[in-house]
């Protein structure tokens, strides 16, 4: 048995990227249909509240107060270049440990879906979920944001776990 099951391969990269982007884009379309006039009313299911918002900034609105031209260059152009480099790395690098690689793919997929949204929506990203428990609540976010955070968690886990758990075992000696 080799390390084949323990490393990321390009087909898994493509599958995860497309699945992540597809799920996020579908949920954003559902949000648009639930809030057809882009109204700000709130619909709740337990601790999850749905409220339509268009975010011109980054994650949780960071940078939304920047001038539009700066937001374009940072959040669209620089992000697009960074994602292109990351996706190229993931498709061409061999032997990326599965946990670390999966985290990087989730970052790329969530980022690419938000970038696509930004390109199709005049520089804004559709957000539609808030988690509220008592007086505590999150900002408005979307599925891509959850995927990005999940990717960071996987990368952090890959760095904190003992090497034998976070990366493939060495190949057997000849």
N, C-alpha and C. Protein backbone atom coordinates (compact mmCIF):
# COMPACT_ATOMS: atom_id res chain seq x y z
N UNK A 1 0.83 -1.20 0.00
CA UNK A 1 0.00 0.00 0.00
C UNK A 1 0.86 1.25 0.00
N UNK A 2 0.60 2.14 -0.93
CA UNK A 2 1.34 3.39 -0.99
C UNK A 2 0.64 4.47 -0.18
N UNK A 3 1.02 5.70 -0.47
CA UNK A 3 0.43 6.83 0.26
C UNK A 3 -0.70 7.46 -0.53
N UNK A 4 -1.15 6.80 -1.58
CA UNK A 4 -2.15 7.36 -2.48
C UNK A 4 -3.38 7.90 -1.75
N UNK A 5 -3.88 7.20 -0.73
CA UNK A 5 -5.08 7.62 -0.04
C UNK A 5 -4.83 8.75 0.95
N UNK A 6 -3.58 9.11 1.16
CA UNK A 6 -3.25 10.11 2.17
C UNK A 6 -2.81 11.45 1.59
N UNK A 7 -2.77 11.56 0.29
CA UNK A 7 -2.35 12.81 -0.33
C UNK A 7 -3.46 13.33 -1.24
N UNK A 8 -3.41 14.62 -1.44
CA UNK A 8 -4.37 15.28 -2.30
C UNK A 8 -4.00 15.04 -3.76
N UNK A 9 -4.98 14.70 -4.59
CA UNK A 9 -4.68 14.58 -6.02
C UNK A 9 -5.50 15.60 -6.79
N UNK A 10 -5.12 15.82 -8.04
CA UNK A 10 -5.75 16.91 -8.80
C UNK A 10 -7.24 16.69 -9.03
N UNK A 11 -7.70 15.44 -9.11
CA UNK A 11 -9.13 15.21 -9.31
C UNK A 11 -9.93 15.59 -8.07
N UNK A 12 -9.35 15.33 -6.89
CA UNK A 12 -10.00 15.74 -5.66
C UNK A 12 -10.01 17.27 -5.55
N UNK A 13 -8.93 17.91 -5.98
CA UNK A 13 -8.87 19.37 -5.98
C UNK A 13 -9.99 19.94 -6.85
N UNK A 14 -10.11 19.44 -8.07
CA UNK A 14 -11.14 19.93 -9.00
C UNK A 14 -12.53 19.67 -8.43
N UNK A 15 -12.75 18.46 -7.92
CA UNK A 15 -14.06 18.11 -7.35
C UNK A 15 -14.43 19.04 -6.20
N UNK A 16 -13.50 19.23 -5.26
CA UNK A 16 -13.78 20.10 -4.11
C UNK A 16 -13.99 21.55 -4.51
N UNK A 17 -13.20 22.04 -5.46
CA UNK A 17 -13.38 23.42 -5.93
C UNK A 17 -14.76 23.61 -6.54
N UNK A 18 -15.13 22.72 -7.46
CA UNK A 18 -16.42 22.85 -8.14
C UNK A 18 -17.59 22.65 -7.19
N UNK A 19 -17.47 21.69 -6.28
CA UNK A 19 -18.54 21.44 -5.32
C UNK A 19 -18.73 22.64 -4.39
N UNK A 20 -17.63 23.15 -3.89
CA UNK A 20 -17.69 24.32 -3.00
C UNK A 20 -18.32 25.51 -3.69
N UNK A 21 -17.83 25.81 -4.88
CA UNK A 21 -18.36 26.96 -5.61
C UNK A 21 -19.83 26.73 -5.98
N UNK A 22 -20.17 25.53 -6.41
CA UNK A 22 -21.55 25.23 -6.78
C UNK A 22 -22.50 25.38 -5.62
N UNK A 23 -22.15 24.80 -4.47
CA UNK A 23 -23.02 24.90 -3.30
C UNK A 23 -23.20 26.36 -2.87
N UNK A 24 -22.12 27.11 -2.84
CA UNK A 24 -22.21 28.51 -2.43
C UNK A 24 -23.07 29.31 -3.40
N UNK A 25 -22.85 29.13 -4.70
CA UNK A 25 -23.62 29.90 -5.68
C UNK A 25 -25.10 29.54 -5.63
N UNK A 26 -25.41 28.26 -5.42
CA UNK A 26 -26.82 27.84 -5.31
C UNK A 26 -27.46 28.50 -4.09
N UNK A 27 -26.77 28.49 -2.95
CA UNK A 27 -27.37 29.09 -1.74
C UNK A 27 -27.55 30.59 -1.90
N UNK A 28 -26.64 31.24 -2.61
CA UNK A 28 -26.80 32.67 -2.85
C UNK A 28 -28.00 32.94 -3.77
N UNK A 29 -28.21 32.07 -4.74
CA UNK A 29 -29.38 32.21 -5.62
C UNK A 29 -30.67 31.99 -4.83
N UNK A 30 -30.65 31.03 -3.92
CA UNK A 30 -31.82 30.80 -3.06
C UNK A 30 -32.07 32.04 -2.21
N UNK A 31 -31.02 32.63 -1.65
CA UNK A 31 -31.18 33.85 -0.85
C UNK A 31 -31.79 34.96 -1.69
N UNK A 32 -31.33 35.09 -2.94
CA UNK A 32 -31.92 36.12 -3.82
C UNK A 32 -33.40 35.86 -4.06
N UNK A 33 -33.78 34.59 -4.17
CA UNK A 33 -35.19 34.28 -4.43
C UNK A 33 -36.05 34.44 -3.17
N UNK A 34 -35.48 34.16 -2.00
CA UNK A 34 -36.23 34.33 -0.75
C UNK A 34 -36.44 35.81 -0.47
N UNK A 35 -35.46 36.62 -0.83
CA UNK A 35 -35.52 38.07 -0.62
C UNK A 35 -35.50 38.74 -2.00
N UNK A 36 -36.60 38.60 -2.78
CA UNK A 36 -36.58 39.04 -4.18
C UNK A 36 -36.29 40.52 -4.39
N UNK A 37 -36.67 41.34 -3.47
CA UNK A 37 -36.42 42.78 -3.61
C UNK A 37 -35.22 43.21 -2.79
N UNK A 38 -34.39 42.21 -2.44
CA UNK A 38 -33.20 42.46 -1.63
C UNK A 38 -33.54 43.19 -0.34
N UNK A 39 -34.69 42.81 0.21
CA UNK A 39 -35.15 43.44 1.44
C UNK A 39 -34.36 42.90 2.63
N UNK A 40 -34.38 43.62 3.70
CA UNK A 40 -33.58 43.27 4.87
C UNK A 40 -34.40 42.60 5.96
N UNK A 41 -35.54 42.04 5.64
CA UNK A 41 -36.33 41.35 6.67
C UNK A 41 -35.57 40.11 7.13
N UNK A 42 -35.90 39.64 8.33
CA UNK A 42 -35.20 38.51 8.92
C UNK A 42 -36.14 37.33 9.01
N UNK A 43 -35.67 36.17 8.58
CA UNK A 43 -36.38 34.90 8.70
C UNK A 43 -35.50 34.02 9.57
N UNK A 44 -36.09 33.33 10.55
CA UNK A 44 -35.28 32.56 11.49
C UNK A 44 -35.65 31.09 11.53
N UNK A 45 -34.63 30.26 11.71
CA UNK A 45 -34.79 28.84 11.98
C UNK A 45 -33.84 28.53 13.12
N UNK A 46 -34.36 28.45 14.34
CA UNK A 46 -33.52 28.22 15.51
C UNK A 46 -32.56 29.37 15.73
N UNK A 47 -31.28 29.06 15.83
CA UNK A 47 -30.28 30.10 16.09
C UNK A 47 -29.77 30.73 14.79
N UNK A 48 -30.17 30.17 13.65
CA UNK A 48 -29.74 30.71 12.36
C UNK A 48 -30.83 31.65 11.84
N UNK A 49 -30.41 32.86 11.54
CA UNK A 49 -31.31 33.89 11.03
C UNK A 49 -30.86 34.24 9.61
N UNK A 50 -31.82 34.42 8.74
CA UNK A 50 -31.51 34.74 7.34
C UNK A 50 -31.88 36.18 7.08
N UNK A 51 -30.90 36.93 6.60
CA UNK A 51 -31.09 38.35 6.29
C UNK A 51 -30.22 38.66 5.08
N UNK A 52 -30.81 39.16 4.03
CA UNK A 52 -30.08 39.46 2.81
C UNK A 52 -29.20 40.69 2.99
N UNK A 53 -27.96 40.58 2.56
CA UNK A 53 -27.05 41.73 2.60
C UNK A 53 -26.07 41.59 1.44
N UNK A 54 -25.63 42.70 0.91
CA UNK A 54 -24.58 42.71 -0.11
C UNK A 54 -23.37 43.39 0.49
N UNK A 55 -22.28 42.66 0.55
CA UNK A 55 -21.08 43.11 1.23
C UNK A 55 -20.03 43.57 0.22
N UNK A 56 -19.69 44.86 0.21
CA UNK A 56 -18.64 45.33 -0.69
C UNK A 56 -17.23 45.06 -0.16
N UNK A 57 -17.14 44.67 1.12
CA UNK A 57 -15.84 44.43 1.74
C UNK A 57 -15.47 42.96 1.71
N UNK A 58 -14.47 42.62 2.51
CA UNK A 58 -14.03 41.24 2.62
C UNK A 58 -14.83 40.52 3.70
N UNK A 59 -14.25 39.47 4.25
CA UNK A 59 -14.89 38.67 5.29
C UNK A 59 -15.39 39.56 6.41
N UNK A 60 -16.65 39.43 6.74
CA UNK A 60 -17.32 40.20 7.79
C UNK A 60 -17.22 41.71 7.56
N UNK A 61 -17.15 42.12 6.30
CA UNK A 61 -17.18 43.54 5.96
C UNK A 61 -15.85 44.27 6.06
N UNK A 62 -14.77 43.56 6.33
CA UNK A 62 -13.47 44.21 6.45
C UNK A 62 -13.13 44.92 5.14
N UNK A 63 -12.82 46.19 5.22
CA UNK A 63 -12.45 46.97 4.04
C UNK A 63 -13.60 47.60 3.30
N UNK A 64 -14.83 47.46 3.80
CA UNK A 64 -15.97 48.02 3.07
C UNK A 64 -15.94 49.54 3.00
N UNK A 65 -15.20 50.19 3.89
CA UNK A 65 -15.12 51.64 3.89
C UNK A 65 -13.99 52.18 3.00
N UNK A 66 -13.22 51.28 2.40
CA UNK A 66 -12.16 51.72 1.49
C UNK A 66 -12.76 52.31 0.22
N UNK A 67 -12.04 53.21 -0.45
CA UNK A 67 -12.54 53.72 -1.73
C UNK A 67 -12.78 52.56 -2.71
N UNK A 68 -13.75 52.72 -3.58
CA UNK A 68 -14.13 51.66 -4.51
C UNK A 68 -12.96 51.16 -5.34
N UNK A 69 -12.10 52.06 -5.81
CA UNK A 69 -10.97 51.64 -6.64
C UNK A 69 -9.99 50.78 -5.85
N UNK A 70 -9.77 51.11 -4.58
CA UNK A 70 -8.87 50.31 -3.73
C UNK A 70 -9.50 48.93 -3.49
N UNK A 71 -10.79 48.91 -3.17
CA UNK A 71 -11.48 47.62 -2.97
C UNK A 71 -11.35 46.76 -4.23
N UNK A 72 -11.51 47.36 -5.41
CA UNK A 72 -11.40 46.60 -6.66
C UNK A 72 -10.02 45.96 -6.78
N UNK A 73 -8.97 46.76 -6.58
CA UNK A 73 -7.61 46.24 -6.75
C UNK A 73 -7.25 45.21 -5.68
N UNK A 74 -7.71 45.41 -4.47
CA UNK A 74 -7.36 44.48 -3.39
C UNK A 74 -8.28 43.25 -3.40
N UNK A 75 -9.60 43.49 -3.42
CA UNK A 75 -10.54 42.39 -3.24
C UNK A 75 -10.87 41.64 -4.53
N UNK A 76 -10.61 42.24 -5.68
CA UNK A 76 -10.89 41.56 -6.93
C UNK A 76 -9.60 41.15 -7.64
N UNK A 77 -8.75 42.11 -7.96
CA UNK A 77 -7.54 41.81 -8.73
C UNK A 77 -6.54 41.00 -7.90
N UNK A 78 -6.13 41.52 -6.74
CA UNK A 78 -5.13 40.82 -5.92
C UNK A 78 -5.65 39.46 -5.46
N UNK A 79 -6.92 39.41 -5.07
CA UNK A 79 -7.51 38.14 -4.66
C UNK A 79 -7.53 37.16 -5.82
N UNK A 80 -7.90 37.63 -7.00
CA UNK A 80 -7.91 36.76 -8.18
C UNK A 80 -6.53 36.20 -8.50
N UNK A 81 -5.52 37.04 -8.41
CA UNK A 81 -4.15 36.59 -8.67
C UNK A 81 -3.74 35.56 -7.60
N UNK A 82 -4.00 35.88 -6.36
CA UNK A 82 -3.66 34.96 -5.27
C UNK A 82 -4.35 33.61 -5.41
N UNK A 83 -5.64 33.65 -5.75
CA UNK A 83 -6.37 32.40 -5.94
C UNK A 83 -5.85 31.62 -7.13
N UNK A 84 -5.49 32.32 -8.20
CA UNK A 84 -4.92 31.66 -9.37
C UNK A 84 -3.62 30.94 -9.02
N UNK A 85 -2.77 31.59 -8.25
CA UNK A 85 -1.51 30.98 -7.82
C UNK A 85 -1.79 29.77 -6.93
N UNK A 86 -2.71 29.92 -5.97
CA UNK A 86 -3.03 28.83 -5.06
C UNK A 86 -3.61 27.62 -5.80
N UNK A 87 -4.55 27.86 -6.70
CA UNK A 87 -5.16 26.76 -7.46
C UNK A 87 -4.13 26.10 -8.35
N UNK A 88 -3.27 26.87 -8.99
CA UNK A 88 -2.21 26.29 -9.82
C UNK A 88 -1.28 25.42 -8.97
N UNK A 89 -0.92 25.91 -7.79
CA UNK A 89 -0.09 25.13 -6.87
C UNK A 89 -0.77 23.81 -6.52
N UNK A 90 -2.05 23.89 -6.17
CA UNK A 90 -2.78 22.68 -5.77
C UNK A 90 -2.89 21.67 -6.91
N UNK A 91 -3.01 22.16 -8.13
CA UNK A 91 -3.16 21.25 -9.28
C UNK A 91 -1.83 20.66 -9.73
N UNK A 92 -0.73 21.32 -9.45
CA UNK A 92 0.56 20.87 -9.98
C UNK A 92 1.51 20.29 -8.94
N UNK A 93 1.29 20.58 -7.67
CA UNK A 93 2.17 20.08 -6.62
C UNK A 93 1.77 18.65 -6.26
N UNK A 94 2.72 17.78 -6.16
CA UNK A 94 2.45 16.39 -5.78
C UNK A 94 2.79 16.18 -4.31
N UNK A 95 2.06 15.29 -3.69
CA UNK A 95 2.37 14.89 -2.33
C UNK A 95 1.92 15.85 -1.24
N UNK A 96 0.93 16.68 -1.52
CA UNK A 96 0.42 17.57 -0.47
C UNK A 96 -0.37 16.70 0.50
N UNK A 97 -0.06 16.76 1.79
CA UNK A 97 -0.82 15.97 2.76
C UNK A 97 -2.32 16.28 2.66
N UNK A 98 -3.14 15.26 2.80
CA UNK A 98 -4.58 15.38 2.59
C UNK A 98 -5.22 16.46 3.47
N UNK A 99 -4.90 16.49 4.75
CA UNK A 99 -5.52 17.45 5.65
C UNK A 99 -5.15 18.89 5.28
N UNK A 100 -3.87 19.13 5.07
CA UNK A 100 -3.41 20.46 4.69
C UNK A 100 -3.94 20.85 3.31
N UNK A 101 -3.87 19.93 2.37
CA UNK A 101 -4.34 20.21 1.02
C UNK A 101 -5.84 20.47 0.97
N UNK A 102 -6.60 19.70 1.75
CA UNK A 102 -8.05 19.92 1.79
C UNK A 102 -8.36 21.31 2.34
N UNK A 103 -7.61 21.73 3.36
CA UNK A 103 -7.80 23.08 3.90
C UNK A 103 -7.50 24.14 2.85
N UNK A 104 -6.41 23.95 2.10
CA UNK A 104 -6.07 24.91 1.05
C UNK A 104 -7.12 24.94 -0.06
N UNK A 105 -7.66 23.76 -0.40
CA UNK A 105 -8.70 23.71 -1.44
C UNK A 105 -9.96 24.42 -0.96
N UNK A 106 -10.32 24.24 0.31
CA UNK A 106 -11.50 24.93 0.83
C UNK A 106 -11.29 26.44 0.81
N UNK A 107 -10.09 26.89 1.19
CA UNK A 107 -9.79 28.33 1.09
C UNK A 107 -9.96 28.81 -0.35
N UNK A 108 -9.40 28.05 -1.28
CA UNK A 108 -9.47 28.44 -2.70
C UNK A 108 -10.91 28.41 -3.20
N UNK A 109 -11.65 27.37 -2.87
CA UNK A 109 -13.03 27.25 -3.35
C UNK A 109 -13.94 28.33 -2.81
N UNK A 110 -13.85 28.58 -1.51
CA UNK A 110 -14.66 29.65 -0.92
C UNK A 110 -14.26 31.02 -1.46
N UNK A 111 -12.96 31.24 -1.56
CA UNK A 111 -12.47 32.51 -2.11
C UNK A 111 -12.88 32.70 -3.56
N UNK A 112 -12.78 31.64 -4.35
CA UNK A 112 -13.14 31.73 -5.76
C UNK A 112 -14.64 31.99 -5.93
N UNK A 113 -15.45 31.38 -5.09
CA UNK A 113 -16.89 31.61 -5.20
C UNK A 113 -17.26 33.04 -4.82
N UNK A 114 -16.64 33.55 -3.76
CA UNK A 114 -16.89 34.96 -3.39
C UNK A 114 -16.35 35.89 -4.47
N UNK A 115 -15.21 35.54 -5.08
CA UNK A 115 -14.67 36.36 -6.18
C UNK A 115 -15.63 36.35 -7.36
N UNK A 116 -16.16 35.19 -7.70
CA UNK A 116 -17.14 35.10 -8.80
C UNK A 116 -18.35 35.99 -8.49
N UNK A 117 -18.83 35.91 -7.26
CA UNK A 117 -19.96 36.74 -6.85
C UNK A 117 -19.62 38.22 -7.01
N UNK A 118 -18.42 38.59 -6.59
CA UNK A 118 -17.98 39.99 -6.69
C UNK A 118 -17.93 40.45 -8.14
N UNK A 119 -17.45 39.56 -9.04
CA UNK A 119 -17.36 39.90 -10.46
C UNK A 119 -18.74 40.03 -11.10
N UNK A 120 -19.70 39.25 -10.65
CA UNK A 120 -21.05 39.26 -11.24
C UNK A 120 -21.99 40.24 -10.57
N UNK A 121 -21.59 40.82 -9.43
CA UNK A 121 -22.50 41.63 -8.62
C UNK A 121 -21.91 43.00 -8.30
N UNK A 122 -21.26 43.60 -9.29
CA UNK A 122 -20.74 44.96 -9.15
C UNK A 122 -19.87 45.17 -7.91
N UNK A 123 -19.01 44.19 -7.63
CA UNK A 123 -18.06 44.33 -6.54
C UNK A 123 -18.59 43.95 -5.17
N UNK A 124 -19.80 43.38 -5.13
CA UNK A 124 -20.38 43.01 -3.84
C UNK A 124 -20.59 41.49 -3.78
N UNK A 125 -20.56 40.98 -2.55
CA UNK A 125 -20.77 39.56 -2.30
C UNK A 125 -22.08 39.41 -1.53
N UNK A 126 -22.91 38.47 -1.93
CA UNK A 126 -24.18 38.23 -1.25
C UNK A 126 -23.92 37.46 0.05
N UNK A 127 -24.38 38.01 1.15
CA UNK A 127 -24.36 37.36 2.46
C UNK A 127 -25.80 37.22 2.92
N UNK A 128 -26.08 36.17 3.72
CA UNK A 128 -27.49 35.97 4.07
C UNK A 128 -27.72 35.22 5.37
N UNK A 129 -26.70 34.89 6.12
CA UNK A 129 -26.89 34.14 7.36
C UNK A 129 -26.27 34.88 8.55
N UNK A 130 -26.94 34.75 9.68
CA UNK A 130 -26.45 35.26 10.95
C UNK A 130 -26.73 34.17 11.98
N UNK A 131 -25.77 33.89 12.84
CA UNK A 131 -26.01 32.95 13.94
C UNK A 131 -26.16 33.79 15.20
N UNK A 132 -27.27 33.56 15.91
CA UNK A 132 -27.55 34.35 17.11
C UNK A 132 -27.89 33.39 18.25
N UNK A 133 -27.15 33.50 19.34
CA UNK A 133 -27.42 32.73 20.55
C UNK A 133 -27.53 33.73 21.68
N UNK A 134 -28.75 33.93 22.16
CA UNK A 134 -28.98 34.94 23.19
C UNK A 134 -28.61 36.30 22.65
N UNK A 135 -27.76 37.00 23.38
CA UNK A 135 -27.33 38.34 22.96
C UNK A 135 -26.13 38.30 22.02
N UNK A 136 -25.50 37.14 21.87
CA UNK A 136 -24.34 37.02 21.00
C UNK A 136 -24.78 36.71 19.57
N UNK A 137 -24.14 37.36 18.62
CA UNK A 137 -24.44 37.06 17.22
C UNK A 137 -23.23 37.33 16.35
N UNK A 138 -23.22 36.62 15.21
CA UNK A 138 -22.16 36.83 14.23
C UNK A 138 -22.56 37.98 13.32
N UNK A 139 -21.64 38.36 12.45
CA UNK A 139 -21.98 39.25 11.36
C UNK A 139 -22.70 38.43 10.29
N UNK A 140 -23.14 39.07 9.24
CA UNK A 140 -23.81 38.37 8.15
C UNK A 140 -22.75 37.69 7.29
N UNK A 141 -22.99 36.42 6.95
CA UNK A 141 -22.01 35.66 6.17
C UNK A 141 -22.71 34.75 5.18
N UNK A 142 -21.92 34.00 4.41
CA UNK A 142 -22.47 33.07 3.43
C UNK A 142 -21.75 31.73 3.52
N UNK A 143 -22.15 30.78 2.70
CA UNK A 143 -21.56 29.44 2.72
C UNK A 143 -20.07 29.50 2.40
N UNK A 144 -19.66 30.33 1.45
CA UNK A 144 -18.24 30.44 1.11
C UNK A 144 -17.42 30.88 2.32
N UNK A 145 -17.96 31.77 3.13
CA UNK A 145 -17.26 32.21 4.34
C UNK A 145 -17.07 31.05 5.31
N UNK A 146 -18.10 30.20 5.46
CA UNK A 146 -18.00 29.03 6.33
C UNK A 146 -16.92 28.08 5.79
N UNK A 147 -16.88 27.91 4.48
CA UNK A 147 -15.90 27.04 3.85
C UNK A 147 -14.49 27.59 4.06
N UNK A 148 -14.31 28.89 3.93
CA UNK A 148 -13.00 29.52 4.14
C UNK A 148 -12.54 29.30 5.58
N UNK A 149 -13.41 29.54 6.54
CA UNK A 149 -13.06 29.33 7.95
C UNK A 149 -12.73 27.86 8.20
N UNK A 150 -13.51 26.96 7.60
CA UNK A 150 -13.24 25.51 7.74
C UNK A 150 -11.88 25.17 7.16
N UNK A 151 -11.52 25.79 6.05
CA UNK A 151 -10.20 25.58 5.47
C UNK A 151 -9.09 26.02 6.41
N UNK A 152 -9.26 27.18 7.04
CA UNK A 152 -8.27 27.65 8.01
C UNK A 152 -8.14 26.67 9.18
N UNK A 153 -9.28 26.14 9.65
CA UNK A 153 -9.26 25.18 10.76
C UNK A 153 -8.48 23.92 10.36
N UNK A 154 -8.73 23.41 9.14
CA UNK A 154 -8.00 22.22 8.68
C UNK A 154 -6.50 22.49 8.57
N UNK A 155 -6.14 23.65 8.05
CA UNK A 155 -4.72 23.99 7.93
C UNK A 155 -4.09 24.09 9.32
N UNK A 156 -4.78 24.74 10.24
CA UNK A 156 -4.28 24.86 11.60
C UNK A 156 -4.13 23.47 12.23
N UNK A 157 -5.12 22.60 12.03
CA UNK A 157 -5.04 21.23 12.55
C UNK A 157 -3.84 20.51 11.96
N UNK A 158 -3.60 20.70 10.67
CA UNK A 158 -2.47 20.02 10.03
C UNK A 158 -1.13 20.49 10.59
N UNK A 159 -1.10 21.73 11.07
CA UNK A 159 0.13 22.26 11.66
C UNK A 159 0.31 21.85 13.12
N UNK A 160 -0.80 21.63 13.81
CA UNK A 160 -0.74 21.32 15.24
C UNK A 160 -0.70 19.83 15.55
N UNK A 161 -1.23 19.01 14.65
CA UNK A 161 -1.22 17.57 14.88
C UNK A 161 0.19 17.02 14.74
N UNK A 162 0.47 15.92 15.44
CA UNK A 162 1.78 15.29 15.25
C UNK A 162 1.98 14.96 13.78
N UNK A 163 3.20 15.05 13.27
CA UNK A 163 3.45 14.84 11.84
C UNK A 163 2.87 13.54 11.29
N UNK A 164 2.90 12.46 12.07
CA UNK A 164 2.39 11.20 11.54
C UNK A 164 0.88 11.22 11.33
N UNK A 165 0.16 12.12 12.00
CA UNK A 165 -1.29 12.20 11.82
C UNK A 165 -1.66 13.21 10.74
N UNK A 166 -0.84 14.23 10.53
CA UNK A 166 -1.17 15.30 9.60
C UNK A 166 -0.63 15.06 8.20
N UNK A 167 0.29 14.13 8.03
CA UNK A 167 0.87 13.91 6.72
C UNK A 167 0.98 12.42 6.44
N UNK A 168 1.18 12.07 5.19
CA UNK A 168 1.24 10.65 4.85
C UNK A 168 2.48 9.99 5.44
N UNK A 169 2.39 8.67 5.69
CA UNK A 169 3.56 7.98 6.20
C UNK A 169 4.63 7.89 5.12
N UNK A 170 5.88 7.75 5.51
CA UNK A 170 6.95 7.64 4.51
C UNK A 170 6.77 6.34 3.71
N UNK A 171 7.25 6.34 2.47
CA UNK A 171 7.12 5.12 1.66
C UNK A 171 7.99 4.02 2.25
N UNK A 172 7.59 2.76 2.04
CA UNK A 172 8.38 1.66 2.58
C UNK A 172 9.75 1.61 1.92
N UNK A 173 10.73 1.16 2.69
CA UNK A 173 12.10 1.04 2.17
C UNK A 173 12.15 -0.06 1.13
N UNK A 174 12.95 0.13 0.06
CA UNK A 174 13.02 -0.90 -1.01
C UNK A 174 13.71 -2.15 -0.56
